[in-house]
């Protein structure tokens, strides 16, 4: 018989794509890894979960099968196996699950893409979560994604619903983008007046908020270039853009993110 914790794991593993056993234990079994391991084994044997321990640094990771995704009932199909995106998926899951543990409503990129694909669904979703002044009915453009030019959109890593106060976004950046790509995304957020928190490794934080130059003077980053951070210093921001260091609750994810940044 499935427990409430089992069902919450199935939903999270479908929404976020992949979780470590440690993340599952922390989120759904009060940190009891042996309990999480036993429940994961039973759900794997029942055909609801896939699990792998092939990536040493991650330990055991899990994601839902097609049957597991149907049982989860979150309106999403089964995620693809993580492959090369494993670290980013786990970093997003870490951030999102901790936001949810604090009582925040979080939509993953999978949920955002699915909602935007169905006319009117994104508006209904926001209205259901208490977001005011949502245009119900006619579709006039993306509501959860961020318009980036006349045709393109940017898909946030995570959308945080702020009941009574609109929505915000969280971007988890483990590798620095090209300045032009980052500038385009930040301008899109600025033009949409969408609040966004960037959680980044050290190279990403420096790229966003700048660094001291050889002469000791501050060299502004991309955040200052687009006018979303004040010039002349390492201001982490408190307006539309906020920049914070990435730190994962799962120590293995945290260590791997740091190693990944050092190799770039």
Protein backbone atom coordinates (compact mmCIF):
# COMPACT_ATOMS: atom_id res chain seq x y z
CA UNK A 1 0.00 0.00 0.00
CA UNK A 2 1.34 3.42 -0.95
CA UNK A 3 1.75 5.99 1.78
CA UNK A 4 1.29 9.75 1.54
CA UNK A 5 5.07 10.12 1.51
CA UNK A 6 5.28 7.66 -1.40
CA UNK A 7 2.79 9.72 -3.39
CA UNK A 8 4.61 12.95 -2.64
CA UNK A 9 7.84 11.38 -3.89
CA UNK A 10 6.16 10.23 -7.10
CA UNK A 11 4.83 13.74 -7.71
CA UNK A 12 8.20 15.38 -7.03
CA UNK A 13 10.17 12.88 -9.09
CA UNK A 14 7.82 13.55 -12.01
CA UNK A 15 7.83 17.33 -11.64
CA UNK A 16 11.57 17.79 -11.06
CA UNK A 17 12.68 14.91 -13.27
CA UNK A 18 15.22 13.30 -10.93
CA UNK A 19 15.95 13.23 -7.18
CA UNK A 20 18.73 11.75 -5.12
CA UNK A 21 17.81 9.30 -2.40
CA UNK A 22 19.11 11.85 0.13
CA UNK A 23 16.83 14.55 -1.26
CA UNK A 24 13.85 12.20 -1.11
CA UNK A 25 14.67 11.20 2.46
CA UNK A 26 15.00 14.84 3.56
CA UNK A 27 11.81 16.00 1.86
CA UNK A 28 9.48 13.09 2.60
CA UNK A 29 10.88 10.92 5.41
CA UNK A 30 12.41 13.43 7.83
CA UNK A 31 15.92 12.54 6.72
CA UNK A 32 15.56 8.79 7.32
CA UNK A 33 17.57 7.40 4.40
CA UNK A 34 16.96 3.74 5.22
CA UNK A 35 13.20 4.31 5.18
CA UNK A 36 13.52 6.17 1.88
CA UNK A 37 15.67 3.38 0.46
CA UNK A 38 13.12 0.72 1.44
CA UNK A 39 10.18 2.66 -0.01
CA UNK A 40 12.09 3.40 -3.24
CA UNK A 41 12.91 -0.28 -3.59
CA UNK A 42 9.24 -1.24 -3.23
CA UNK A 43 8.11 1.38 -5.75
CA UNK A 44 10.82 0.30 -8.17
CA UNK A 45 9.66 -3.30 -7.89
CA UNK A 46 6.09 -2.10 -8.49
CA UNK A 47 7.15 -0.42 -11.73
CA UNK A 48 6.56 3.14 -10.50
CA UNK A 49 10.16 4.34 -10.24
CA UNK A 50 13.40 3.89 -12.12
CA UNK A 51 16.57 4.10 -10.07
CA UNK A 52 20.26 4.21 -10.85
CA UNK A 53 23.52 4.30 -8.92
CA UNK A 54 25.77 4.55 -11.97
CA UNK A 55 27.02 8.08 -11.20
CA UNK A 56 29.24 7.71 -8.17
CA UNK A 57 29.08 11.24 -6.82
CA UNK A 58 25.26 11.29 -6.85
CA UNK A 59 24.63 7.95 -5.16
CA UNK A 60 21.18 6.52 -5.86
CA UNK A 61 18.94 8.69 -8.03
CA UNK A 62 15.29 8.07 -8.94
CA UNK A 63 12.75 9.22 -11.52
CA UNK A 64 9.27 8.02 -12.44
CA UNK A 65 8.30 5.51 -15.09
CA UNK A 66 5.29 6.16 -17.32
CA UNK A 67 3.16 4.21 -14.85
CA UNK A 68 4.62 6.16 -11.95
CA UNK A 69 3.92 9.47 -13.67
CA UNK A 70 0.29 8.46 -14.25
CA UNK A 71 -0.09 7.48 -10.61
CA UNK A 72 1.49 10.78 -9.55
CA UNK A 73 -1.41 12.57 -11.23
CA UNK A 74 0.38 15.87 -11.83
CA UNK A 75 -0.50 16.07 -15.52
CA UNK A 76 2.99 15.28 -16.79
CA UNK A 77 4.48 12.31 -18.60
CA UNK A 78 7.49 10.43 -17.33
CA UNK A 79 10.73 12.40 -17.52
CA UNK A 80 13.57 11.26 -19.72
CA UNK A 81 16.51 9.62 -17.91
CA UNK A 82 18.77 12.44 -16.69
CA UNK A 83 21.94 11.74 -18.68
CA UNK A 84 24.26 14.75 -18.97
CA UNK A 85 21.69 17.02 -17.30
CA UNK A 86 21.85 15.11 -14.02
CA UNK A 87 23.66 17.78 -11.99
CA UNK A 88 21.39 20.60 -13.14
CA UNK A 89 18.25 18.54 -12.49
CA UNK A 90 19.40 17.66 -8.99
CA UNK A 91 20.38 21.26 -8.26
CA UNK A 92 16.92 22.45 -9.31
CA UNK A 93 15.23 19.75 -7.25
CA UNK A 94 17.30 20.75 -4.24
CA UNK A 95 16.33 24.41 -4.54
CA UNK A 96 12.68 23.73 -5.39
CA UNK A 97 12.06 21.20 -2.63
CA UNK A 98 13.52 23.54 -0.03
CA UNK A 99 11.29 26.36 -1.29
CA UNK A 100 8.28 24.07 -0.99
CA UNK A 101 9.33 23.02 2.52
CA UNK A 102 9.09 26.72 3.46
CA UNK A 103 5.51 26.78 2.19
CA UNK A 104 6.15 28.40 -1.19
CA UNK A 105 4.30 27.33 -4.33
CA UNK A 106 6.81 26.29 -7.00
CA UNK A 107 6.25 25.42 -10.65
CA UNK A 108 8.99 23.53 -12.45
CA UNK A 109 9.99 24.15 -16.06
CA UNK A 110 8.13 20.96 -17.03
CA UNK A 111 4.94 22.32 -15.46
CA UNK A 112 5.43 25.74 -17.02
CA UNK A 113 5.91 24.35 -20.53
CA UNK A 114 2.87 22.10 -20.18
CA UNK A 115 0.66 24.92 -18.88
CA UNK A 116 1.75 27.36 -21.59
CA UNK A 117 1.05 24.76 -24.29
CA UNK A 118 -2.67 24.60 -23.43
CA UNK A 119 -4.63 27.80 -24.21
CA UNK A 120 -5.83 29.40 -20.99
CA UNK A 121 -4.23 26.83 -18.70
CA UNK A 122 -1.46 29.10 -17.41
CA UNK A 123 -4.00 31.78 -16.48
CA UNK A 124 -6.21 29.24 -14.71
CA UNK A 125 -3.21 27.89 -12.82
CA UNK A 126 -2.19 31.33 -11.57
CA UNK A 127 -5.76 32.24 -10.62
CA UNK A 128 -6.10 28.97 -8.70
CA UNK A 129 -3.00 29.92 -6.71
CA UNK A 130 -4.33 33.35 -5.80
CA UNK A 131 -2.36 35.52 -8.22
CA UNK A 132 -4.39 38.72 -8.79
CA UNK A 133 -5.36 40.37 -12.08
CA UNK A 134 -4.74 37.32 -14.25
CA UNK A 135 -6.32 37.67 -17.72
CA UNK A 136 -8.62 34.66 -17.97
CA UNK A 137 -9.74 33.66 -21.44
CA UNK A 138 -8.00 35.07 -24.50
CA UNK A 139 -4.38 34.07 -24.82
CA UNK A 140 -2.23 37.17 -25.38
CA UNK A 141 1.22 35.67 -24.82
CA UNK A 142 3.12 33.68 -22.23
CA UNK A 143 2.22 34.25 -18.60
CA UNK A 144 4.70 31.94 -16.88
CA UNK A 145 7.50 32.03 -19.44
CA UNK A 146 9.21 35.35 -20.16
CA UNK A 147 8.93 36.96 -23.63
CA UNK A 148 12.42 37.41 -25.09
CA UNK A 149 11.97 39.39 -28.27
CA UNK A 150 9.14 39.30 -30.78
CA UNK A 151 8.94 35.52 -31.13
CA UNK A 152 11.19 33.83 -28.56
CA UNK A 153 10.46 33.09 -24.92
CA UNK A 154 12.73 32.23 -22.02
CA UNK A 155 11.69 29.32 -19.81
CA UNK A 156 12.61 29.96 -16.16
CA UNK A 157 14.15 27.10 -14.22
CA UNK A 158 11.53 27.57 -11.50
CA UNK A 159 8.53 29.86 -11.15
CA UNK A 160 7.55 30.85 -7.61
CA UNK A 161 3.93 31.85 -7.11
CA UNK A 162 3.49 34.76 -4.71
CA UNK A 163 -0.19 34.69 -3.68
CA UNK A 164 -1.61 38.18 -3.87
CA UNK A 165 1.66 39.51 -5.33
CA UNK A 166 2.25 37.96 -8.76
CA UNK A 167 5.04 35.54 -9.63
CA UNK A 168 8.82 35.45 -9.52
CA UNK A 169 11.49 33.23 -11.01
CA UNK A 170 14.52 31.33 -9.81
CA UNK A 171 17.42 30.57 -12.12
CA UNK A 172 20.03 28.03 -11.05
CA UNK A 173 23.22 28.65 -13.04
CA UNK A 174 26.14 26.32 -12.45
CA UNK A 175 28.08 27.39 -15.56
CA UNK A 176 28.56 30.91 -16.87
CA UNK A 177 26.69 31.63 -20.09
CA UNK A 178 28.08 33.83 -22.84
CA UNK A 179 27.64 37.50 -21.89
CA UNK A 180 25.31 38.05 -24.85
CA UNK A 181 23.03 35.14 -23.87
CA UNK A 182 22.90 36.25 -20.24
CA UNK A 183 22.26 39.85 -21.28
CA UNK A 184 19.34 38.76 -23.46
CA UNK A 185 17.75 36.79 -20.61
CA UNK A 186 18.19 39.57 -18.06
CA UNK A 187 16.72 42.14 -20.43
CA UNK A 188 13.73 39.87 -20.93
CA UNK A 189 13.16 39.74 -17.17
CA UNK A 190 13.60 43.50 -16.92
CA UNK A 191 11.14 44.24 -19.72
CA UNK A 192 8.62 41.83 -18.20
CA UNK A 193 9.11 43.43 -14.75
CA UNK A 194 9.54 39.92 -13.41
CA UNK A 195 11.51 39.43 -10.22
CA UNK A 196 14.24 36.83 -10.55
CA UNK A 197 16.74 35.33 -8.13
CA UNK A 198 19.92 33.95 -9.67
CA UNK A 199 21.57 31.20 -7.64
CA UNK A 200 25.02 30.71 -9.13
CA UNK A 201 28.43 29.21 -8.62
CA UNK A 202 31.31 31.65 -8.03
CA UNK A 203 32.02 32.24 -11.76
CA UNK A 204 28.34 32.99 -12.39
CA UNK A 205 28.08 35.37 -9.44
CA UNK A 206 31.15 37.27 -10.69
CA UNK A 207 29.72 37.39 -14.21
CA UNK A 208 26.46 38.84 -12.91
CA UNK A 209 27.63 41.36 -10.30
CA UNK A 210 31.21 42.04 -11.40
CA UNK A 211 34.64 41.69 -9.80
CA UNK A 212 37.65 43.78 -8.76
CA UNK A 213 39.92 44.67 -11.69
CA UNK A 214 43.74 44.50 -11.70
CA UNK A 215 43.92 48.10 -10.49
CA UNK A 216 41.48 47.45 -7.65
CA UNK A 217 38.59 49.26 -9.31
CA UNK A 218 35.32 47.45 -9.67
CA UNK A 219 34.56 45.95 -13.07
CA UNK A 220 30.79 45.84 -13.48
CA UNK A 221 29.07 42.62 -14.50
CA UNK A 222 26.19 41.85 -16.81
CA UNK A 223 23.66 42.74 -14.11
CA UNK A 224 24.96 46.32 -14.10
CA UNK A 225 25.22 46.38 -17.91
CA UNK A 226 21.47 45.87 -18.26
CA UNK A 227 20.58 48.22 -15.41
CA UNK A 228 19.28 45.63 -12.95
CA UNK A 229 22.11 46.05 -10.42
CA UNK A 230 23.66 49.31 -9.17
CA UNK A 231 27.10 50.02 -10.66
CA UNK A 232 30.42 50.16 -8.88
CA UNK A 233 30.33 47.29 -6.41
CA UNK A 234 29.28 43.74 -5.51
CA UNK A 235 25.67 44.60 -4.71
CA UNK A 236 23.62 41.35 -4.61
CA UNK A 237 20.50 43.29 -5.53
CA UNK A 238 17.13 43.73 -3.85
CA UNK A 239 14.95 44.77 -6.77
CA UNK A 240 14.00 42.84 -9.90
CA UNK A 241 17.34 40.97 -9.90
CA UNK A 242 18.88 39.31 -6.88
CA UNK A 243 22.14 37.36 -7.04
CA UNK A 244 22.99 34.75 -4.44
CA UNK A 245 25.59 31.96 -4.21
CA UNK A 246 24.23 28.51 -5.02
CA UNK A 247 24.28 26.12 -2.05
CA UNK A 248 22.60 22.72 -2.09
CA UNK A 249 21.18 20.93 0.91
CA UNK A 250 22.44 17.62 -0.46
CA UNK A 251 26.21 17.68 0.24
CA UNK A 252 26.98 15.55 -2.82
CA UNK A 253 25.17 17.98 -5.14
CA UNK A 254 26.89 20.92 -3.46
CA UNK A 255 30.37 19.42 -3.87
CA UNK A 256 29.76 18.42 -7.48
CA UNK A 257 28.48 21.89 -8.37
CA UNK A 258 31.67 23.40 -6.96
CA UNK A 259 33.85 20.92 -8.86
CA UNK A 260 31.89 21.55 -12.04
CA UNK A 261 32.46 25.31 -11.75
CA UNK A 262 36.20 24.87 -11.18
CA UNK A 263 36.57 22.85 -14.37
CA UNK A 264 35.05 25.57 -16.53
